[in-house]
Amino acid sequence: MSTTIADRPVEPEERRRRVRLPSKGMLPALTLAALIATLVSAWYIDFAPTTLIDGLDEVGRLLDRMFPPRLDDPGRIGGLAVETLLMALLGTVLAAVASVPLAFMAARNTTPHPAVYAVARAFITFCRAMPDLLFAVLFVRALGIGVLPGILALALHSIGMLGKLFADAIEQTDAGPREAVRSTGVGYFREMINAVIPQVIPSWIGTFIYRIDINLRMSVVLGFVGAGGIGFALQDALRGLIYPRALGIVLVILALIVAMELVAIGVRRTLLVPAQSNPRRDRAVRFISSGVLAGLTVAAFIVLQLNPLSLLTWVGPSVEVFTRMVPPNFDAVGTALWSAAAQTVAIGVVSTAIGIVLSIPVGILAARNVTPNGTLYWLARGWILAVRAVPELILAVIFVAALGLGPVAGTCALAIGSVGFLAKLVADSVEEIDSGPMEAVRSVGGGWWKTLFSAVIPQAMPAMVGSSLYMFDVNIRTSTILGIVGAGGIGYLLFESIRTLNFDVAGAIVLVIFVVVYAIERLSGWIRSRLV
């Protein structure tokens, strides 16, 4: 789930232009508030300081029972892995197709009307706030078990990111080309095609590639709710307590995600780094890449045995299920709903705090310009890559098996995932700092520690603060669905209500999840705007 503060890759030059030191008065206040919130949240879910260490010991014992890993049916697992990859690709393609017109409606400088702008932004916000696994479980209930619910869930959730970032890119375009094209008397659509799209294509390509990487991580767990992919085989092995088989599947997932990330890095560099004085090469590369993407999309329909018409016929059954959630019934669950919501927030707070504390040293060791030696650099980078490749829900399954049901298992899982996520952002931010202050400290005899605290951390602090706030936002979203595997939070009530066909109760829970996630997103966004 690698990302940056703004949900998208940011070029080093752009990031340096944005950086300014946090407000000196607000940063200590935020730190104190975060400390108090962490202590209260830890008390609420009975999370002791030694819990994570004890949890790692229990996980170690569980891993001992998992060795040696094995694949009992390599052909089936390989087929499910391919299915997972194609689901991620197709879901991203569908989201991108839908996000392009939505982005033009949601951008202030291209929207046809303020009312259209408000509706488009509201829809994008809703898609971003609702977890993909929640969409998946609702689509499975409406359409049945299979890959289609998973693809639709990935597509809808992806619109929340792609639509927002596509619209942001449009709003940042230069008005000059538009005025020049408009002066020739062409209409609105020609103006957008000739003057706006050429400016935003590089940003859109980077965001699209990045989203495929994210969706692959998401798609591996959709099988937990019957929405296709390799997650179904993993859940089946864990339910049967066949731990060696489960570890074998996890290793396949790990290899698949790592390979995809390496491919994404190569494709991003090929498409987004222009050749010197060779625009023809750039056009050829993008044309070939577009053809490959189109071919893979067609192959996805064939391999997944998906009728293209099903992308239209899903609306009716889904609307029928969704409308059964209205009006929401808050009385049936009573105070348990609010207690579960508070537990969800507490899980997000504690896991983020642990992630922040543990990620900083790992991230510093993984920064090429600061790490003491090459061995520590590669060890830190390898550890980050390995942790980030395992989705949080799988980590939650492992901790539940080791520690038992409850929010402690969910907190440990999110904490480990946060370390991998934040450590990468810390390393990236440290690698992008100005080398001048570091050289100045070294020139007067300052050692590694002096350089770190005097020249490195002060420069990287704004990015660290922003990344931490974004991590908190992400962890709140993720914690809402951990209940599916018994790792605490509001997710358990949601999936139980859907399983028992109490859709009015599910509607109340979905509404609470949306309010919680949206409120946290707005709060973290406001703090980030004041500090970063």
Protein backbone atom coordinates (compact mmCIF):
# COMPACT_ATOMS: atom_id res chain seq x y z
CA MET A 1 0.00 0.00 0.00
CA SER A 2 2.86 2.38 -0.66
CA THR A 3 1.73 5.95 -1.14
CA THR A 4 2.64 9.47 -0.25
CA ILE A 5 0.98 12.13 1.84
CA ALA A 6 -1.39 13.19 -0.90
CA ASP A 7 -2.35 9.69 -2.06
CA ARG A 8 -0.03 9.95 -5.04
CA PRO A 9 3.63 9.93 -6.03
CA VAL A 10 5.19 13.38 -5.66
CA GLU A 11 8.32 14.39 -7.54
CA PRO A 12 11.25 15.44 -5.31
CA GLU A 13 11.31 18.97 -6.75
CA GLU A 14 7.60 19.38 -6.14
CA ARG A 15 7.88 18.07 -2.60
CA ARG A 16 10.73 20.44 -1.78
CA ARG A 17 8.71 23.37 -3.07
CA ARG A 18 5.87 22.40 -0.73
CA VAL A 19 7.98 21.91 2.37
CA ARG A 20 7.82 24.49 5.11
CA LEU A 21 8.51 24.05 8.77
CA PRO A 22 5.55 23.13 10.97
CA SER A 23 4.11 25.78 13.26
CA LYS A 24 6.26 25.83 16.40
CA GLY A 25 3.27 26.44 18.63
CA MET A 26 0.97 23.82 17.14
CA LEU A 27 3.41 20.93 16.83
CA PRO A 28 3.96 20.49 20.60
CA ALA A 29 0.21 20.76 21.16
CA LEU A 30 -0.45 18.13 18.53
CA THR A 31 2.19 15.86 20.06
CA LEU A 32 0.62 16.18 23.51
CA ALA A 33 -2.87 15.56 22.13
CA ALA A 34 -1.63 12.50 20.24
CA LEU A 35 0.04 11.13 23.37
CA ILE A 36 -3.12 11.56 25.44
CA ALA A 37 -5.28 10.02 22.70
CA THR A 38 -2.89 7.05 22.45
CA LEU A 39 -2.92 6.39 26.22
CA VAL A 40 -6.72 6.66 26.41
CA SER A 41 -7.17 4.41 23.36
CA ALA A 42 -4.72 1.82 24.70
CA TRP A 43 -6.62 1.76 27.99
CA TYR A 44 -9.95 1.40 26.18
CA ILE A 45 -8.88 -1.71 24.26
CA ASP A 46 -6.67 -3.14 27.07
CA PHE A 47 -3.49 -2.80 25.05
CA ALA A 48 -0.47 -3.00 27.36
CA PRO A 49 2.96 -1.67 26.27
CA THR A 50 4.35 -5.21 26.18
CA THR A 51 1.48 -6.56 24.11
CA LEU A 52 3.16 -6.06 20.75
CA ILE A 53 6.36 -7.78 21.93
CA ASP A 54 4.38 -10.67 23.40
CA GLY A 55 2.39 -10.79 20.19
CA LEU A 56 5.55 -11.13 18.14
CA ASP A 57 6.63 -14.02 20.38
CA GLU A 58 3.29 -15.75 19.82
CA VAL A 59 3.50 -15.09 16.09
CA GLY A 60 6.97 -16.64 16.12
CA ARG A 61 5.57 -19.81 17.68
CA LEU A 62 2.78 -19.82 15.09
CA LEU A 63 5.31 -19.47 12.28
CA ASP A 64 7.20 -22.45 13.69
CA ARG A 65 4.05 -24.51 13.14
CA MET A 66 3.83 -23.18 9.58
CA PHE A 67 7.22 -24.52 8.47
CA PRO A 68 8.01 -25.95 6.08
CA PRO A 69 5.63 -24.16 3.69
CA ARG A 70 3.97 -26.22 1.00
CA LEU A 71 1.68 -25.84 -2.00
CA ASP A 72 -0.64 -28.84 -2.22
CA ASP A 73 -2.17 -27.76 -5.54
CA PRO A 74 0.25 -25.46 -7.41
CA GLY A 75 -1.92 -25.32 -10.52
CA ARG A 76 -4.95 -24.08 -8.62
CA ILE A 77 -2.93 -21.58 -6.58
CA GLY A 78 -1.24 -20.30 -9.71
CA GLY A 79 -4.61 -19.87 -11.40
CA LEU A 80 -5.95 -17.95 -8.41
CA ALA A 81 -2.85 -15.75 -8.41
CA VAL A 82 -3.42 -14.88 -12.07
CA GLU A 83 -7.08 -14.27 -11.29
CA THR A 84 -6.07 -11.87 -8.51
CA LEU A 85 -3.71 -9.96 -10.79
CA LEU A 86 -6.30 -9.63 -13.56
CA MET A 87 -8.95 -8.51 -11.07
CA ALA A 88 -6.63 -5.72 -9.91
CA LEU A 89 -5.90 -4.69 -13.49
CA LEU A 90 -9.52 -4.72 -14.65
CA GLY A 91 -10.79 -2.95 -11.54
CA THR A 92 -8.23 -0.18 -12.05
CA VAL A 93 -9.02 0.17 -15.75
CA LEU A 94 -12.75 0.48 -15.07
CA ALA A 95 -12.09 3.02 -12.33
CA ALA A 96 -9.86 5.08 -14.63
CA VAL A 97 -12.47 5.08 -17.40
CA ALA A 98 -15.14 6.27 -14.97
CA SER A 99 -12.82 8.77 -13.25
CA VAL A 100 -11.90 10.76 -16.37
CA PRO A 101 -15.32 12.37 -16.99
CA LEU A 102 -15.92 12.51 -13.24
CA ALA A 103 -12.65 14.42 -12.77
CA PHE A 104 -13.66 17.07 -15.31
CA MET A 105 -16.92 17.54 -13.43
CA ALA A 106 -15.09 17.65 -10.07
CA ALA A 107 -12.42 20.18 -11.09
CA ARG A 108 -13.29 23.80 -10.36
CA ASN A 109 -11.81 25.10 -13.61
CA THR A 110 -13.60 22.62 -15.91
CA THR A 111 -16.88 21.75 -14.19
CA PRO A 112 -19.96 22.84 -16.17
CA HIS A 113 -21.83 24.00 -13.04
CA PRO A 114 -21.25 24.38 -9.27
CA ALA A 115 -24.02 21.88 -8.56
CA VAL A 116 -22.30 19.32 -10.81
CA TYR A 117 -19.04 20.02 -8.99
CA ALA A 118 -20.63 19.41 -5.58
CA VAL A 119 -22.27 16.13 -6.65
CA ALA A 120 -19.08 14.84 -8.31
CA ARG A 121 -16.93 15.67 -5.29
CA ALA A 122 -19.48 14.07 -2.94
CA PHE A 123 -19.46 10.83 -4.94
CA ILE A 124 -15.65 10.76 -5.01
CA THR A 125 -15.53 11.33 -1.25
CA PHE A 126 -18.04 8.54 -0.63
CA CYS A 127 -16.04 6.06 -2.72
CA ARG A 128 -12.82 7.01 -0.95
CA ALA A 129 -14.34 6.80 2.54
CA MET A 130 -15.90 3.35 2.16
CA PRO A 131 -13.45 0.41 2.46
CA ASP A 132 -13.10 -1.82 -0.59
CA LEU A 133 -13.91 -4.93 1.44
CA LEU A 134 -17.20 -3.37 2.49
CA PHE A 135 -18.13 -2.80 -1.15
CA ALA A 136 -17.10 -6.38 -1.86
CA VAL A 137 -19.30 -7.97 0.80
CA LEU A 138 -22.32 -5.97 -0.39
CA PHE A 139 -21.72 -6.89 -4.04
CA VAL A 140 -21.28 -10.57 -3.09
CA ARG A 141 -24.64 -10.46 -1.36
CA ALA A 142 -26.21 -8.83 -4.43
CA LEU A 143 -24.47 -10.74 -7.23
CA GLY A 144 -23.22 -13.95 -5.64
CA ILE A 145 -19.75 -15.39 -5.14
CA GLY A 146 -17.25 -14.72 -7.95
CA VAL A 147 -14.79 -12.27 -9.45
CA LEU A 148 -17.36 -9.68 -10.56
CA PRO A 149 -18.10 -8.41 -7.02
CA GLY A 150 -14.38 -8.10 -6.39
CA ILE A 151 -13.75 -6.17 -9.60
CA LEU A 152 -16.65 -3.81 -8.91
CA ALA A 153 -15.47 -3.27 -5.33
CA LEU A 154 -11.95 -2.42 -6.50
CA ALA A 155 -13.30 -0.12 -9.20
CA LEU A 156 -15.65 1.82 -6.93
CA HIS A 157 -13.07 2.28 -4.18
CA SER A 158 -10.43 3.27 -6.75
CA ILE A 159 -12.67 6.04 -8.08
CA GLY A 160 -12.27 7.69 -4.70
CA MET A 161 -8.53 8.06 -5.30
CA LEU A 162 -8.32 8.35 -9.09
CA GLY A 163 -11.22 10.79 -9.37
CA LYS A 164 -9.74 13.05 -6.70
CA LEU A 165 -6.20 13.04 -8.07
CA PHE A 166 -7.31 13.33 -11.69
CA ALA A 167 -9.41 16.37 -10.72
CA ASP A 168 -6.55 17.87 -8.71
CA ALA A 169 -4.27 17.52 -11.73
CA ILE A 170 -6.82 19.31 -13.92
CA GLU A 171 -7.11 22.16 -11.42
CA GLN A 172 -3.32 22.61 -11.51
CA THR A 173 -3.12 22.99 -15.31
CA ASP A 174 -1.94 26.19 -16.99
CA ALA A 175 -4.83 28.31 -18.25
CA GLY A 176 -2.78 29.69 -21.17
CA PRO A 177 -3.22 26.76 -23.60
CA ARG A 178 -6.95 26.69 -22.88
CA GLU A 179 -7.30 30.37 -23.72
CA ALA A 180 -5.33 29.87 -26.93
CA VAL A 181 -7.51 26.94 -28.02
CA ARG A 182 -10.70 28.75 -26.99
CA SER A 183 -9.73 31.76 -29.13
CA THR A 184 -10.02 29.57 -32.23
CA GLY A 185 -13.74 29.14 -31.55
CA VAL A 186 -13.79 25.43 -30.69
CA GLY A 187 -16.28 24.01 -28.22
CA TYR A 188 -15.88 22.74 -24.68
CA PHE A 189 -14.90 19.16 -25.57
CA ARG A 190 -12.26 20.19 -28.13
CA GLU A 191 -10.87 22.63 -25.60
CA MET A 192 -10.52 19.85 -22.99
CA ILE A 193 -9.00 17.38 -25.44
CA ASN A 194 -6.50 19.78 -27.04
CA ALA A 195 -5.51 21.99 -24.09
CA VAL A 196 -6.15 20.16 -20.81
CA ILE A 197 -5.57 16.45 -21.40
CA PRO A 198 -2.02 16.86 -22.82
CA GLN A 199 -1.04 18.67 -19.60
CA VAL A 200 -2.46 16.08 -17.20
CA ILE A 201 -1.51 12.85 -19.01
CA PRO A 202 1.84 12.36 -17.20
CA SER A 203 0.21 12.81 -13.79
CA TRP A 204 -2.67 10.52 -14.73
CA ILE A 205 -0.32 7.79 -15.95
CA GLY A 206 1.69 7.86 -12.73
CA THR A 207 -1.45 7.73 -10.61
CA PHE A 208 -2.93 4.88 -12.68
CA ILE A 209 0.20 2.73 -12.41
CA TYR A 210 0.40 3.41 -8.72
CA ARG A 211 -3.25 2.46 -8.24
CA ILE A 212 -2.73 -0.93 -9.91
CA ASP A 213 -0.06 -1.59 -7.30
CA ILE A 214 -2.48 -0.70 -4.50
CA ASN A 215 -5.34 -2.72 -5.97
CA LEU A 216 -3.20 -5.83 -6.21
CA ARG A 217 -2.63 -5.65 -2.47
CA MET A 218 -6.36 -5.15 -1.94
CA SER A 219 -7.44 -7.93 -4.28
CA VAL A 220 -5.52 -10.66 -2.44
CA VAL A 221 -7.92 -10.40 0.52
CA LEU A 222 -11.21 -10.11 -1.38
CA GLY A 223 -11.52 -13.89 -1.36
CA PHE A 224 -12.18 -13.68 2.39
CA VAL A 225 -15.72 -12.55 1.53
CA GLY A 226 -16.11 -14.67 -1.61
CA ALA A 227 -15.15 -11.97 -4.10
CA GLY A 228 -12.60 -14.01 -6.03
CA GLY A 229 -8.84 -14.24 -5.97
CA ILE A 230 -6.22 -16.10 -3.98
CA GLY A 231 -7.58 -14.89 -0.64
CA PHE A 232 -10.22 -17.62 -0.74
CA ALA A 233 -7.57 -20.35 -0.78
CA LEU A 234 -5.71 -18.67 2.09
CA GLN A 235 -8.84 -18.38 4.20
CA ASP A 236 -9.68 -22.02 3.50
CA ALA A 237 -6.23 -23.13 4.69
CA LEU A 238 -6.41 -21.02 7.84
CA ARG A 239 -9.89 -22.22 8.74
CA GLY A 240 -8.69 -25.79 8.39
CA LEU A 241 -5.62 -24.99 10.56
CA ILE A 242 -3.41 -26.24 7.72
CA TYR A 243 -0.68 -23.72 8.53
CA PRO A 244 2.08 -25.00 6.17
CA ARG A 245 -0.32 -24.64 3.25
CA ALA A 246 -1.32 -21.17 4.47
CA LEU A 247 2.32 -20.07 4.61
CA GLY A 248 2.90 -21.41 1.11
CA ILE A 249 0.01 -19.28 -0.17
CA VAL A 250 1.30 -16.23 1.74
CA LEU A 251 4.70 -16.66 0.06
CA VAL A 252 3.00 -16.80 -3.34
CA ILE A 253 1.16 -13.58 -2.47
CA LEU A 254 4.41 -12.01 -1.31
CA ALA A 255 6.19 -12.95 -4.55
CA LEU A 256 3.27 -11.69 -6.65
CA ILE A 257 3.17 -8.29 -4.93
CA VAL A 258 6.94 -7.81 -4.96
CA ALA A 259 7.10 -8.70 -8.66
CA MET A 260 4.26 -6.30 -9.41
CA GLU A 261 5.95 -3.51 -7.52
CA LEU A 262 9.18 -4.00 -9.45
CA VAL A 263 7.28 -4.03 -12.73
CA ALA A 264 5.41 -0.86 -11.71
CA ILE A 265 8.68 0.90 -10.91
CA GLY A 266 10.09 -0.04 -14.33
CA VAL A 267 6.95 0.97 -16.21
CA ARG A 268 6.72 4.26 -14.31
CA ARG A 269 10.32 5.13 -15.16
CA THR A 270 9.85 4.16 -18.80
CA LEU A 271 6.68 6.18 -19.27
CA LEU A 272 7.32 9.19 -17.06
CA VAL A 273 11.04 9.86 -17.59
CA PRO A 274 11.27 11.53 -21.01
CA ALA A 275 14.12 10.66 -23.34
CA GLN A 276 16.52 13.51 -24.03
CA SER A 277 15.53 15.20 -27.29
CA ASN A 278 13.59 12.15 -28.41
CA PRO A 279 9.84 12.88 -28.31
CA ARG A 280 9.25 10.25 -30.99
CA ARG A 281 10.53 7.58 -28.63
CA ASP A 282 8.18 8.84 -25.90
CA ARG A 283 5.17 8.69 -28.22
CA ALA A 284 6.11 5.21 -29.38
CA VAL A 285 6.53 3.92 -25.83
CA ARG A 286 3.17 5.31 -24.75
CA PHE A 287 1.45 3.95 -27.85
CA ILE A 288 2.88 0.48 -27.28
CA SER A 289 2.03 0.63 -23.59
CA SER A 290 -1.55 1.60 -24.40
CA GLY A 291 -1.81 -1.36 -26.77
CA VAL A 292 -0.43 -3.74 -24.16
CA LEU A 293 -2.90 -2.41 -21.59
CA ALA A 294 -5.81 -2.83 -24.01
CA GLY A 295 -4.67 -6.39 -24.80
CA LEU A 296 -4.38 -7.28 -21.10
CA THR A 297 -7.84 -5.84 -20.47
CA VAL A 298 -9.35 -8.02 -23.18
CA ALA A 299 -7.40 -11.00 -21.85
CA ALA A 300 -8.79 -10.33 -18.38
CA PHE A 301 -12.37 -10.65 -19.66
CA ILE A 302 -11.49 -13.92 -21.40
CA VAL A 303 -9.47 -15.54 -18.61
CA LEU A 304 -11.93 -14.49 -15.89
CA GLN A 305 -14.82 -15.66 -18.11
CA LEU A 306 -16.51 -12.32 -17.57
CA ASN A 307 -19.29 -11.20 -19.89
CA PRO A 308 -18.79 -7.49 -20.72
CA LEU A 309 -22.55 -7.02 -20.42
CA SER A 310 -22.26 -7.91 -16.73
CA LEU A 311 -20.63 -4.51 -16.24
CA LEU A 312 -24.07 -3.07 -16.97
CA THR A 313 -26.43 -5.69 -15.55
CA TRP A 314 -24.96 -5.53 -12.03
CA VAL A 315 -26.71 -2.25 -11.32
CA GLY A 316 -30.22 -3.65 -10.78
CA PRO A 317 -29.46 -6.38 -8.22
CA SER A 318 -27.00 -4.13 -6.40
CA VAL A 319 -29.44 -1.25 -6.12
CA GLU A 320 -32.02 -3.70 -4.74
CA VAL A 321 -29.62 -4.72 -1.94
CA PHE A 322 -28.42 -1.19 -1.25
CA THR A 323 -31.96 0.19 -0.99
CA ARG A 324 -32.78 -2.43 1.64
CA MET A 325 -30.29 -0.64 3.88
CA VAL A 326 -32.55 2.42 3.95
CA PRO A 327 -33.82 3.60 6.38
CA PRO A 328 -30.99 2.59 8.73
CA ASN A 329 -31.95 0.89 11.98
CA PHE A 330 -29.86 2.17 14.88
CA ASP A 331 -32.02 0.65 17.61
CA ALA A 332 -31.29 -3.01 16.86
CA VAL A 333 -27.63 -2.85 17.93
CA GLY A 334 -28.00 -0.16 20.57
CA THR A 335 -24.92 0.93 22.46
CA ALA A 336 -22.87 -1.92 20.95
CA LEU A 337 -22.65 0.08 17.72
CA TRP A 338 -21.08 3.11 19.37
CA SER A 339 -18.80 0.95 21.49
CA ALA A 340 -17.57 -0.85 18.36
CA ALA A 341 -17.06 2.48 16.57
CA ALA A 342 -14.99 3.77 19.49
CA GLN A 343 -13.00 0.53 19.45
CA THR A 344 -12.30 1.02 15.74
CA VAL A 345 -10.94 4.52 16.33
CA ALA A 346 -8.86 3.29 19.29
CA ILE A 347 -7.30 0.56 17.15
CA GLY A 348 -6.36 3.16 14.54
CA VAL A 349 -4.88 5.54 17.12
CA VAL A 350 -2.72 2.99 18.94
CA SER A 351 -1.49 1.23 15.81
CA THR A 352 -0.53 4.54 14.21
CA ALA A 353 1.35 5.66 17.31
CA ILE A 354 3.34 2.42 17.40
CA GLY A 355 4.00 2.69 13.68
CA ILE A 356 5.34 6.23 14.03
CA VAL A 357 7.73 5.33 16.87
CA LEU A 358 9.12 2.21 15.20
CA SER A 359 9.23 3.47 11.62
CA ILE A 360 11.57 6.42 12.15
CA PRO A 361 14.73 4.41 12.95
CA VAL A 362 13.96 1.87 10.21
CA GLY A 363 13.28 4.63 7.71
CA ILE A 364 16.52 6.46 8.55
CA LEU A 365 18.53 3.26 8.07
CA ALA A 366 16.75 2.77 4.72
CA ALA A 367 17.71 6.23 3.43
CA ARG A 368 20.68 5.94 1.07
CA ASN A 369 22.13 9.36 1.95
CA VAL A 370 22.07 8.82 5.74
CA THR A 371 22.43 5.09 6.48
CA PRO A 372 25.75 4.19 8.15
CA ASN A 373 26.59 1.42 5.65
CA GLY A 374 25.25 -0.51 2.68
CA THR A 375 24.42 -3.65 4.64
CA LEU A 376 22.05 -1.82 6.97
CA TYR A 377 20.50 -0.05 3.99
CA TRP A 378 19.63 -3.28 2.16
CA LEU A 379 18.46 -5.00 5.33
CA ALA A 380 16.14 -2.10 6.14
CA ARG A 381 14.84 -1.81 2.57
CA GLY A 382 14.27 -5.56 2.36
CA TRP A 383 12.39 -5.61 5.63
CA ILE A 384 10.20 -2.69 4.51
CA LEU A 385 9.41 -4.38 1.20
CA ALA A 386 8.54 -7.68 2.89
CA VAL A 387 6.21 -6.08 5.45
CA ARG A 388 4.50 -3.86 2.90
CA ALA A 389 3.85 -6.83 0.63
CA VAL A 390 1.62 -8.54 3.22
CA PRO A 391 -1.87 -6.95 3.41
CA GLU A 392 -3.01 -5.87 6.87
CA LEU A 393 -5.95 -8.28 6.85
CA ILE A 394 -3.57 -11.23 6.45
CA LEU A 395 -1.46 -9.88 9.31
CA ALA A 396 -4.66 -9.64 11.34
CA VAL A 397 -5.47 -13.29 10.60
CA ILE A 398 -2.01 -14.31 11.82
CA PHE A 399 -2.27 -12.26 15.03
CA VAL A 400 -5.79 -13.56 15.72
CA ALA A 401 -4.49 -17.11 15.38
CA ALA A 402 -1.61 -16.28 17.74
CA LEU A 403 -3.32 -14.00 20.30
CA GLY A 404 -7.00 -14.82 19.98
CA LEU A 405 -9.99 -12.72 19.00
CA GLY A 406 -10.24 -9.06 19.87
CA PRO A 407 -8.90 -5.56 19.17
CA VAL A 408 -5.39 -6.38 20.45
CA ALA A 409 -4.79 -8.65 17.45
CA GLY A 410 -6.06 -5.96 15.08
CA THR A 411 -3.89 -3.31 16.70
CA CYS A 412 -0.75 -5.46 16.42
CA ALA A 413 -1.49 -6.20 12.76
CA LEU A 414 -2.03 -2.56 11.85
CA ALA A 415 1.03 -1.52 13.88
CA ILE A 416 3.30 -3.88 11.93
CA GLY A 417 1.78 -2.76 8.64
CA SER A 418 2.20 0.89 9.65
CA VAL A 419 5.90 0.41 10.34
CA GLY A 420 6.49 -0.88 6.83
CA PHE A 421 4.36 1.83 5.25
CA LEU A 422 5.73 4.78 7.24
CA ALA A 423 9.35 3.59 7.15
CA LYS A 424 9.29 3.81 3.35
CA LEU A 425 7.87 7.34 3.47
CA VAL A 426 10.43 8.37 6.08
CA ALA A 427 13.26 6.94 3.95
CA ASP A 428 11.97 8.67 0.82
CA SER A 429 11.61 12.02 2.60
CA VAL A 430 15.13 11.77 4.07
CA GLU A 431 16.62 10.92 0.67
CA GLU A 432 15.03 14.05 -0.81
CA ILE A 433 16.37 16.59 1.71
CA ASP A 434 18.93 19.24 0.78
CA SER A 435 22.47 17.91 1.29
CA GLY A 436 23.87 21.37 2.08
CA PRO A 437 23.06 21.43 5.81
CA MET A 438 24.44 17.89 6.20
CA GLU A 439 27.73 18.87 4.59
CA ALA A 440 27.91 21.97 6.77
CA VAL A 441 27.57 19.95 9.97
CA ARG A 442 30.16 17.43 8.82
CA SER A 443 32.59 20.19 7.85
CA VAL A 444 32.79 21.35 11.46
CA GLY A 445 33.45 17.84 12.74
CA GLY A 446 29.89 16.72 13.46
CA GLY A 447 29.47 12.96 13.59
CA TRP A 448 26.62 10.77 12.37
CA TRP A 449 24.33 11.46 15.32
CA LYS A 450 25.00 15.20 15.25
CA THR A 451 24.29 15.32 11.52
CA LEU A 452 21.11 13.32 12.01
CA PHE A 453 19.58 15.55 14.68
CA SER A 454 20.91 18.88 13.41
CA ALA A 455 20.51 18.59 9.64
CA VAL A 456 18.42 15.55 8.68
CA ILE A 457 15.43 15.34 11.03
CA PRO A 458 14.63 19.11 10.97
CA GLN A 459 14.39 19.02 7.17
CA ALA A 460 12.42 15.77 7.03
CA MET A 461 10.05 16.72 9.86
CA PRO A 462 7.30 18.31 7.71
CA ALA A 463 7.08 15.23 5.49
CA MET A 464 7.13 12.94 8.55
CA VAL A 465 4.25 14.84 10.14
CA GLY A 466 2.20 14.71 6.96
CA SER A 467 2.90 11.01 6.44
CA SER A 468 1.91 10.21 10.03
CA LEU A 469 -1.40 12.03 9.66
CA TYR A 470 -2.08 10.22 6.41
CA MET A 471 -1.20 6.90 8.04
CA PHE A 472 -3.73 7.61 10.78
CA ASP A 473 -6.36 8.26 8.12
CA VAL A 474 -5.54 4.98 6.35
CA ASN A 475 -5.51 2.97 9.59
CA ILE A 476 -8.96 4.20 10.56
CA ARG A 477 -10.31 3.00 7.21
CA THR A 478 -8.57 -0.36 7.54
CA SER A 479 -9.64 -0.93 11.14
CA THR A 480 -13.29 -0.73 10.10
CA ILE A 481 -13.05 -4.08 8.33
CA LEU A 482 -10.75 -6.06 10.63
CA GLY A 483 -13.78 -7.54 12.37
CA ILE A 484 -14.27 -9.92 9.45
CA VAL A 485 -11.43 -12.04 10.88
CA GLY A 486 -12.26 -11.33 14.52
CA ALA A 487 -9.67 -8.58 15.04
CA GLY A 488 -11.99 -6.11 16.74
CA GLY A 489 -13.79 -2.98 15.64
CA ILE A 490 -17.07 -2.25 13.96
CA GLY A 491 -16.46 -4.64 11.08
CA TYR A 492 -17.69 -7.66 13.03
CA LEU A 493 -21.14 -6.10 13.55
CA LEU A 494 -21.31 -5.14 9.89
CA PHE A 495 -20.50 -8.55 8.46
CA GLU A 496 -22.77 -10.29 10.96
CA SER A 497 -25.69 -8.03 10.02
CA ILE A 498 -25.17 -8.72 6.32
CA ARG A 499 -24.73 -12.45 6.92
CA THR A 500 -28.04 -12.56 8.79
CA LEU A 501 -29.76 -10.38 6.14
CA ASN A 502 -30.40 -7.52 8.58
CA PHE A 503 -29.74 -4.91 5.92
CA ASP A 504 -31.35 -2.05 7.83
CA VAL A 505 -28.88 -2.67 10.65
CA ALA A 506 -26.07 -2.87 8.09
CA GLY A 507 -27.23 0.49 6.76
CA ALA A 508 -26.82 2.04 10.19
CA ILE A 509 -23.33 0.57 10.55
CA VAL A 510 -22.29 1.71 7.06
CA LEU A 511 -23.48 5.22 7.88
CA VAL A 512 -21.47 5.25 11.12
CA ILE A 513 -18.37 3.97 9.28
CA PHE A 514 -18.73 6.71 6.68
CA VAL A 515 -19.13 9.42 9.32
CA VAL A 516 -16.14 8.18 11.33
CA VAL A 517 -13.86 7.83 8.32
CA TYR A 518 -14.93 11.15 6.81
CA ALA A 519 -14.55 13.00 10.13
CA ILE A 520 -11.06 11.59 10.65
CA GLU A 521 -10.13 12.46 7.07
CA ARG A 522 -11.28 16.05 7.51
CA LEU A 523 -9.54 16.36 10.88
CA SER A 524 -6.24 15.01 9.59
CA GLY A 525 -6.53 17.18 6.47
CA TRP A 526 -7.07 20.29 8.59
CA ILE A 527 -4.13 19.49 10.85
CA ARG A 528 -1.95 18.74 7.84
CA SER A 529 -2.85 22.09 6.27
CA ARG A 530 -1.79 23.88 9.45
CA LEU A 531 1.42 21.97 9.99
CA VAL A 532 2.78 20.89 6.61
